Amino acid sequence: VIDPPSFELHYALGRANLGSGTSIDRAIEAFEKASRLKPDDLDVRLHLGRQYLVRGVVDKALNHLRIGRLTDDYRREADLAAVNDLLLARALQQKGYDRAALDQYNLVLERLKRPTPAMRANAELVYLMNRPEVLLGQIGQLNEKLGNDEAALAAYDQAIRRDPTSFDVQARAVRVLVRLGRITEAADRAADVVRKFRATPESMALLREVYRDG
């Protein structure tokens, strides 16, 4: 039999090809066959969503990740559900569906506040639990794009409290304050950035920008 109807075999072939790192196309082909044999398997959908995202085939990634949300595994397995939501957020963001992407990132952030043992065993999720500022930065930027400056500022401020060493996030927060008309606060923050980053050219340029635009 050239192509036996075995979910386990195609799944194993997909994992083996991914592990070798030499044949992503074969891995995708095997996972696609596995997904047709067992449409309700979320792990397969995650493999396909991730690989299609890496290759820039975002529409196919979206299709698998949206189906993933309908599976029984999504309702039962908090760790797999969180990864599905995270990959879906990235796919939606790449397609320019900013409102939907923002909702997904917020959902991931809420999930990470109530981690299960399985989530704590997932390296990708543990990284985000330890560094929520990564998600908060994305949430801030999407809120900016959508014109939600107050929400953007709130996200940036949370990110800054978690990681006060990120110049980019602090600069974004300052620029949001300028747009909100809170010029004095923006100037004070920009001056604090200059002190914190020891008057780097970028921090000095930010301070001049505040006084110019304010």
C-alpha atoms as a PDB file:
ATOM      1  CA  VAL A   1       0.000   0.000   0.000  1.00  0.00           C
ATOM      2  CA  ILE A   2       1.624   3.263  -1.123  1.00  0.00           C
ATOM      3  CA  ASP A   3      -0.469   5.654   0.932  1.00  0.00           C
ATOM      4  CA  PRO A   4      -2.040   3.763   3.842  1.00  0.00           C
ATOM      5  CA  PRO A   5      -4.980   5.476   5.573  1.00  0.00           C
ATOM      6  CA  SER A   6      -3.218   5.703   8.920  1.00  0.00           C
ATOM      7  CA  PHE A   7      -3.342   8.913  10.910  1.00  0.00           C
ATOM      8  CA  GLU A   8      -0.559   7.721  13.214  1.00  0.00           C
ATOM      9  CA  LEU A   9       1.761   6.937  10.302  1.00  0.00           C
ATOM     10  CA  HIS A  10       1.279  10.276   8.529  1.00  0.00           C
ATOM     11  CA  TYR A  11       1.597  12.150  11.819  1.00  0.00           C
ATOM     12  CA  ALA A  12       4.824  10.310  12.619  1.00  0.00           C
ATOM     13  CA  LEU A  13       6.175  11.012   9.127  1.00  0.00           C
ATOM     14  CA  GLY A  14       5.392  14.696   9.557  1.00  0.00           C
ATOM     15  CA  ARG A  15       7.194  14.830  12.902  1.00  0.00           C
ATOM     16  CA  ALA A  16      10.162  12.917  11.504  1.00  0.00           C
ATOM     17  CA  ASN A  17      10.530  15.269   8.540  1.00  0.00           C
ATOM     18  CA  LEU A  18      10.268  18.292  10.827  1.00  0.00           C
ATOM     19  CA  GLY A  19      12.881  16.826  13.117  1.00  0.00           C
ATOM     20  CA  SER A  20      15.328  16.314  10.286  1.00  0.00           C
ATOM     21  CA  GLY A  21      14.922  19.935   9.212  1.00  0.00           C
ATOM     22  CA  THR A  22      15.545  18.965   5.609  1.00  0.00           C
ATOM     23  CA  SER A  23      12.100  18.432   4.145  1.00  0.00           C
ATOM     24  CA  ILE A  24       9.459  20.842   5.382  1.00  0.00           C
ATOM     25  CA  ASP A  25       7.386  20.231   2.239  1.00  0.00           C
ATOM     26  CA  ARG A  26       7.220  16.520   3.042  1.00  0.00           C
ATOM     27  CA  ALA A  27       6.310  17.316   6.637  1.00  0.00           C
ATOM     28  CA  ILE A  28       3.459  19.545   5.494  1.00  0.00           C
ATOM     29  CA  GLU A  29       2.272  16.906   3.030  1.00  0.00           C
ATOM     30  CA  ALA A  30       2.223  14.263   5.748  1.00  0.00           C
ATOM     31  CA  PHE A  31       0.437  16.515   8.232  1.00  0.00           C
ATOM     32  CA  GLU A  32      -2.146  17.463   5.598  1.00  0.00           C
ATOM     33  CA  LYS A  33      -2.908  13.779   5.056  1.00  0.00           C
ATOM     34  CA  ALA A  34      -3.113  13.265   8.807  1.00  0.00           C
ATOM     35  CA  SER A  35      -5.516  16.213   9.154  1.00  0.00           C
ATOM     36  CA  ARG A  36      -7.822  14.739   6.528  1.00  0.00           C
ATOM     37  CA  LEU A  37      -7.856  11.407   8.357  1.00  0.00           C
ATOM     38  CA  LYS A  38      -8.443  12.981  11.761  1.00  0.00           C
ATOM     39  CA  PRO A  39      -9.867  16.506  11.318  1.00  0.00           C
ATOM     40  CA  ASP A  40     -10.414  16.982  15.054  1.00  0.00           C
ATOM     41  CA  ASP A  41      -6.730  16.645  16.021  1.00  0.00           C
ATOM     42  CA  LEU A  42      -5.538  20.050  17.203  1.00  0.00           C
ATOM     43  CA  ASP A  43      -1.847  19.153  17.392  1.00  0.00           C
ATOM     44  CA  VAL A  44      -1.795  18.475  13.647  1.00  0.00           C
ATOM     45  CA  ARG A  45      -3.573  21.767  12.967  1.00  0.00           C
ATOM     46  CA  LEU A  46      -0.935  23.555  15.040  1.00  0.00           C
ATOM     47  CA  HIS A  47       1.907  21.960  13.099  1.00  0.00           C
ATOM     48  CA  LEU A  48       0.300  22.980   9.820  1.00  0.00           C
ATOM     49  CA  GLY A  49      -0.546  26.481  10.996  1.00  0.00           C
ATOM     50  CA  ARG A  50       2.987  27.068  12.239  1.00  0.00           C
ATOM     51  CA  GLN A  51       4.700  25.722   9.118  1.00  0.00           C
ATOM     52  CA  TYR A  52       2.454  27.663   6.750  1.00  0.00           C
ATOM     53  CA  LEU A  53       3.159  30.829   8.754  1.00  0.00           C
ATOM     54  CA  VAL A  54       6.902  30.229   8.485  1.00  0.00           C
ATOM     55  CA  ARG A  55       6.546  29.852   4.728  1.00  0.00           C
ATOM     56  CA  GLY A  56       4.338  32.933   4.424  1.00  0.00           C
ATOM     57  CA  VAL A  57       1.281  30.972   3.252  1.00  0.00           C
ATOM     58  CA  VAL A  58      -0.940  32.842   5.674  1.00  0.00           C
ATOM     59  CA  ASP A  59      -4.331  31.911   4.203  1.00  0.00           C
ATOM     60  CA  LYS A  60      -3.665  28.196   4.699  1.00  0.00           C
ATOM     61  CA  ALA A  61      -2.351  28.880   8.199  1.00  0.00           C
ATOM     62  CA  LEU A  62      -5.532  30.779   9.027  1.00  0.00           C
ATOM     63  CA  ASN A  63      -7.700  27.964   7.712  1.00  0.00           C
ATOM     64  CA  HIS A  64      -6.057  25.331   9.898  1.00  0.00           C
ATOM     65  CA  LEU A  65      -5.945  27.532  12.992  1.00  0.00           C
ATOM     66  CA  ARG A  66      -9.588  28.526  12.639  1.00  0.00           C
ATOM     67  CA  ILE A  67     -10.547  24.870  12.338  1.00  0.00           C
ATOM     68  CA  GLY A  68      -8.347  24.242  15.362  1.00  0.00           C
ATOM     69  CA  ARG A  69     -10.601  26.452  17.469  1.00  0.00           C
ATOM     70  CA  LEU A  70     -13.536  24.153  16.668  1.00  0.00           C
ATOM     71  CA  THR A  71     -11.869  20.952  17.856  1.00  0.00           C
ATOM     72  CA  ASP A  72     -12.583  19.120  21.080  1.00  0.00           C
ATOM     73  CA  ASP A  73      -8.894  19.429  21.957  1.00  0.00           C
ATOM     74  CA  TYR A  74      -9.214  23.224  21.894  1.00  0.00           C
ATOM     75  CA  ARG A  75     -11.885  23.020  24.576  1.00  0.00           C
ATOM     76  CA  ARG A  76     -10.072  20.397  26.663  1.00  0.00           C
ATOM     77  CA  GLU A  77      -6.359  21.187  26.361  1.00  0.00           C
ATOM     78  CA  ALA A  78      -5.512  24.655  27.691  1.00  0.00           C
ATOM     79  CA  ASP A  79      -1.912  24.519  26.480  1.00  0.00           C
ATOM     80  CA  LEU A  80      -2.823  23.610  22.896  1.00  0.00           C
ATOM     81  CA  ALA A  81      -5.618  26.188  22.911  1.00  0.00           C
ATOM     82  CA  ALA A  82      -3.218  28.917  24.031  1.00  0.00           C
ATOM     83  CA  VAL A  83      -0.722  28.055  21.282  1.00  0.00           C
ATOM     84  CA  ASN A  84      -3.530  27.993  18.715  1.00  0.00           C
ATOM     85  CA  ASP A  85      -4.695  31.436  19.860  1.00  0.00           C
ATOM     86  CA  LEU A  86      -1.140  32.776  19.683  1.00  0.00           C
ATOM     87  CA  LEU A  87      -0.505  31.486  16.150  1.00  0.00           C
ATOM     88  CA  LEU A  88      -3.932  32.695  15.052  1.00  0.00           C
ATOM     89  CA  ALA A  89      -3.169  36.172  16.406  1.00  0.00           C
ATOM     90  CA  ARG A  90       0.051  36.281  14.380  1.00  0.00           C
ATOM     91  CA  ALA A  91      -1.681  35.069  11.234  1.00  0.00           C
ATOM     92  CA  LEU A  92      -4.505  37.601  11.578  1.00  0.00           C
ATOM     93  CA  GLN A  93      -1.964  40.377  12.185  1.00  0.00           C
ATOM     94  CA  GLN A  94      -0.026  39.409   9.060  1.00  0.00           C
ATOM     95  CA  LYS A  95      -3.240  39.579   7.028  1.00  0.00           C
ATOM     96  CA  GLY A  96      -4.046  43.018   8.415  1.00  0.00           C
ATOM     97  CA  TYR A  97      -7.063  41.909  10.471  1.00  0.00           C
ATOM     98  CA  ASP A  98      -5.993  44.151  13.328  1.00  0.00           C
ATOM     99  CA  ARG A  99      -9.154  44.055  15.440  1.00  0.00           C
ATOM    100  CA  ALA A 100      -9.338  40.267  15.316  1.00  0.00           C
ATOM    101  CA  ALA A 101      -5.605  39.928  15.998  1.00  0.00           C
ATOM    102  CA  LEU A 102      -5.907  42.233  19.007  1.00  0.00           C
ATOM    103  CA  ASP A 103      -8.729  40.117  20.427  1.00  0.00           C
ATOM    104  CA  GLN A 104      -6.596  37.004  20.057  1.00  0.00           C
ATOM    105  CA  TYR A 105      -3.537  38.531  21.719  1.00  0.00           C
ATOM    106  CA  ASN A 106      -5.704  39.676  24.625  1.00  0.00           C
ATOM    107  CA  LEU A 107      -7.134  36.165  24.881  1.00  0.00           C
ATOM    108  CA  VAL A 108      -3.631  34.675  25.043  1.00  0.00           C
ATOM    109  CA  LEU A 109      -2.630  37.166  27.733  1.00  0.00           C
ATOM    110  CA  GLU A 110      -5.663  36.219  29.821  1.00  0.00           C
ATOM    111  CA  ARG A 111      -4.935  32.507  29.402  1.00  0.00           C
ATOM    112  CA  LEU A 112      -1.378  32.981  30.613  1.00  0.00           C
ATOM    113  CA  LYS A 113      -2.648  34.548  33.834  1.00  0.00           C
ATOM    114  CA  ARG A 114      -4.210  31.178  34.730  1.00  0.00           C
ATOM    115  CA  PRO A 115      -1.579  28.651  33.650  1.00  0.00           C
ATOM    116  CA  THR A 116      -2.261  24.940  33.889  1.00  0.00           C
ATOM    117  CA  PRO A 117       0.499  22.373  34.559  1.00  0.00           C
ATOM    118  CA  ALA A 118       0.512  21.534  30.842  1.00  0.00           C
ATOM    119  CA  MET A 119       1.003  25.206  29.973  1.00  0.00           C
ATOM    120  CA  ARG A 120       3.919  25.386  32.407  1.00  0.00           C
ATOM    121  CA  ALA A 121       5.500  22.468  30.555  1.00  0.00           C
ATOM    122  CA  ASN A 122       5.298  24.243  27.181  1.00  0.00           C
ATOM    123  CA  ALA A 123       8.512  26.199  26.498  1.00  0.00           C
ATOM    124  CA  GLU A 124       6.844  28.682  24.150  1.00  0.00           C
ATOM    125  CA  LEU A 125       4.155  29.526  26.676  1.00  0.00           C
ATOM    126  CA  VAL A 126       6.593  29.634  29.607  1.00  0.00           C
ATOM    127  CA  TYR A 127       8.664  32.201  27.713  1.00  0.00           C
ATOM    128  CA  LEU A 128       5.590  34.424  27.332  1.00  0.00           C
ATOM    129  CA  MET A 129       4.578  33.890  30.957  1.00  0.00           C
ATOM    130  CA  ASN A 130       7.987  35.158  31.980  1.00  0.00           C
ATOM    131  CA  ARG A 131       7.992  37.945  29.407  1.00  0.00           C
ATOM    132  CA  PRO A 132       4.394  39.177  28.990  1.00  0.00           C
ATOM    133  CA  GLU A 133       5.820  42.469  27.710  1.00  0.00           C
ATOM    134  CA  VAL A 134       6.270  40.720  24.359  1.00  0.00           C
ATOM    135  CA  LEU A 135       2.495  40.332  24.046  1.00  0.00           C
ATOM    136  CA  LEU A 136       1.818  43.720  25.619  1.00  0.00           C
ATOM    137  CA  GLY A 137       3.969  45.392  22.980  1.00  0.00           C
ATOM    138  CA  GLN A 138       1.925  43.774  20.205  1.00  0.00           C
ATOM    139  CA  ILE A 139      -1.306  44.754  21.945  1.00  0.00           C
ATOM    140  CA  GLY A 140      -0.094  48.334  22.257  1.00  0.00           C
ATOM    141  CA  GLN A 141       0.879  48.583  18.598  1.00  0.00           C
ATOM    142  CA  LEU A 142      -2.422  47.129  17.397  1.00  0.00           C
ATOM    143  CA  ASN A 143      -4.368  49.527  19.608  1.00  0.00           C
ATOM    144  CA  GLU A 144      -2.354  52.382  18.121  1.00  0.00           C
ATOM    145  CA  LYS A 145      -3.244  51.260  14.593  1.00  0.00           C
ATOM    146  CA  LEU A 146      -6.896  51.106  15.581  1.00  0.00           C
ATOM    147  CA  GLY A 147      -6.798  54.597  17.108  1.00  0.00           C
ATOM    148  CA  ASN A 148      -7.196  53.356  20.677  1.00  0.00           C
ATOM    149  CA  ASP A 149      -4.446  55.485  22.175  1.00  0.00           C
ATOM    150  CA  GLU A 150      -5.522  55.181  25.798  1.00  0.00           C
ATOM    151  CA  ALA A 151      -5.549  51.393  25.537  1.00  0.00           C
ATOM    152  CA  ALA A 152      -2.215  51.472  23.725  1.00  0.00           C
ATOM    153  CA  LEU A 153      -0.682  53.576  26.487  1.00  0.00           C
ATOM    154  CA  ALA A 154      -2.018  51.216  29.162  1.00  0.00           C
ATOM    155  CA  ALA A 155      -0.425  48.246  27.385  1.00  0.00           C
ATOM    156  CA  TYR A 156       2.898  50.060  26.947  1.00  0.00           C
ATOM    157  CA  ASP A 157       2.949  51.115  30.589  1.00  0.00           C
ATOM    158  CA  GLN A 158       2.448  47.501  31.684  1.00  0.00           C
ATOM    159  CA  ALA A 159       5.231  46.433  29.337  1.00  0.00           C
ATOM    160  CA  ILE A 160       7.559  49.123  30.715  1.00  0.00           C
ATOM    161  CA  ARG A 161       6.918  47.997  34.286  1.00  0.00           C
ATOM    162  CA  ARG A 162       7.906  44.487  33.248  1.00  0.00           C
ATOM    163  CA  ASP A 163      10.939  45.577  31.211  1.00  0.00           C
ATOM    164  CA  PRO A 164      12.171  49.143  31.780  1.00  0.00           C
ATOM    165  CA  THR A 165      15.144  48.548  29.450  1.00  0.00           C
ATOM    166  CA  SER A 166      13.188  48.671  26.172  1.00  0.00           C
ATOM    167  CA  PHE A 167      13.759  52.030  24.494  1.00  0.00           C
ATOM    168  CA  ASP A 168      11.303  51.258  21.683  1.00  0.00           C
ATOM    169  CA  VAL A 169       8.347  50.706  24.018  1.00  0.00           C
ATOM    170  CA  GLN A 170       9.143  53.798  26.074  1.00  0.00           C
ATOM    171  CA  ALA A 171       9.432  55.891  22.925  1.00  0.00           C
ATOM    172  CA  ARG A 172       6.073  54.583  21.725  1.00  0.00           C
ATOM    173  CA  ALA A 173       4.483  55.506  25.048  1.00  0.00           C
ATOM    174  CA  VAL A 174       5.903  59.047  24.812  1.00  0.00           C
ATOM    175  CA  ARG A 175       4.549  59.499  21.287  1.00  0.00           C
ATOM    176  CA  VAL A 176       1.110  58.278  22.369  1.00  0.00           C
ATOM    177  CA  LEU A 177       1.114  60.863  25.163  1.00  0.00           C
ATOM    178  CA  VAL A 178       1.867  63.571  22.592  1.00  0.00           C
ATOM    179  CA  ARG A 179      -1.074  62.447  20.449  1.00  0.00           C
ATOM    180  CA  LEU A 180      -3.298  62.517  23.522  1.00  0.00           C
ATOM    181  CA  GLY A 181      -2.261  66.112  24.148  1.00  0.00           C
ATOM    182  CA  ARG A 182      -0.525  65.282  27.427  1.00  0.00           C
ATOM    183  CA  ILE A 183       2.563  67.245  26.455  1.00  0.00           C
ATOM    184  CA  THR A 184       3.945  67.974  29.915  1.00  0.00           C
ATOM    185  CA  GLU A 185       3.785  64.296  30.824  1.00  0.00           C
ATOM    186  CA  ALA A 186       5.326  63.357  27.482  1.00  0.00           C
ATOM    187  CA  ALA A 187       8.195  65.796  28.023  1.00  0.00           C
ATOM    188  CA  ASP A 188       8.798  64.527  31.548  1.00  0.00           C
ATOM    189  CA  ARG A 189       8.855  60.961  30.319  1.00  0.00           C
ATOM    190  CA  ALA A 190      11.144  61.803  27.431  1.00  0.00           C
ATOM    191  CA  ALA A 191      13.538  63.519  29.820  1.00  0.00           C
ATOM    192  CA  ASP A 192      13.461  60.443  32.038  1.00  0.00           C
ATOM    193  CA  VAL A 193      14.267  58.299  29.003  1.00  0.00           C
ATOM    194  CA  VAL A 194      17.262  60.537  28.263  1.00  0.00           C
ATOM    195  CA  ARG A 195      18.536  60.002  31.821  1.00  0.00           C
ATOM    196  CA  LYS A 196      17.808  56.292  31.827  1.00  0.00           C
ATOM    197  CA  PHE A 197      19.543  55.660  28.504  1.00  0.00           C
ATOM    198  CA  ARG A 198      22.431  58.029  29.276  1.00  0.00           C
ATOM    199  CA  ALA A 199      21.630  60.625  26.606  1.00  0.00           C
ATOM    200  CA  THR A 200      21.955  58.304  23.614  1.00  0.00           C
ATOM    201  CA  PRO A 201      21.326  59.960  20.233  1.00  0.00           C
ATOM    202  CA  GLU A 202      17.981  58.144  19.996  1.00  0.00           C
ATOM    203  CA  SER A 203      16.809  59.364  23.402  1.00  0.00           C
ATOM    204  CA  MET A 204      17.875  62.944  22.668  1.00  0.00           C
ATOM    205  CA  ALA A 205      16.040  62.800  19.344  1.00  0.00           C
ATOM    206  CA  LEU A 206      12.907  61.637  21.181  1.00  0.00           C
ATOM    207  CA  LEU A 207      13.091  64.600  23.561  1.00  0.00           C
ATOM    208  CA  ARG A 208      13.497  67.053  20.665  1.00  0.00           C
ATOM    209  CA  GLU A 209      10.576  65.373  18.902  1.00  0.00           C
ATOM    210  CA  VAL A 210       8.307  65.976  21.886  1.00  0.00           C
ATOM    211  CA  TYR A 211       9.116  69.687  22.016  1.00  0.00           C
ATOM    212  CA  ARG A 212       8.804  69.985  18.247  1.00  0.00           C
ATOM    213  CA  ASP A 213       5.465  68.197  17.947  1.00  0.00           C
ATOM    214  CA  GLY A 214       4.036  69.471  21.204  1.00  0.00           C
END
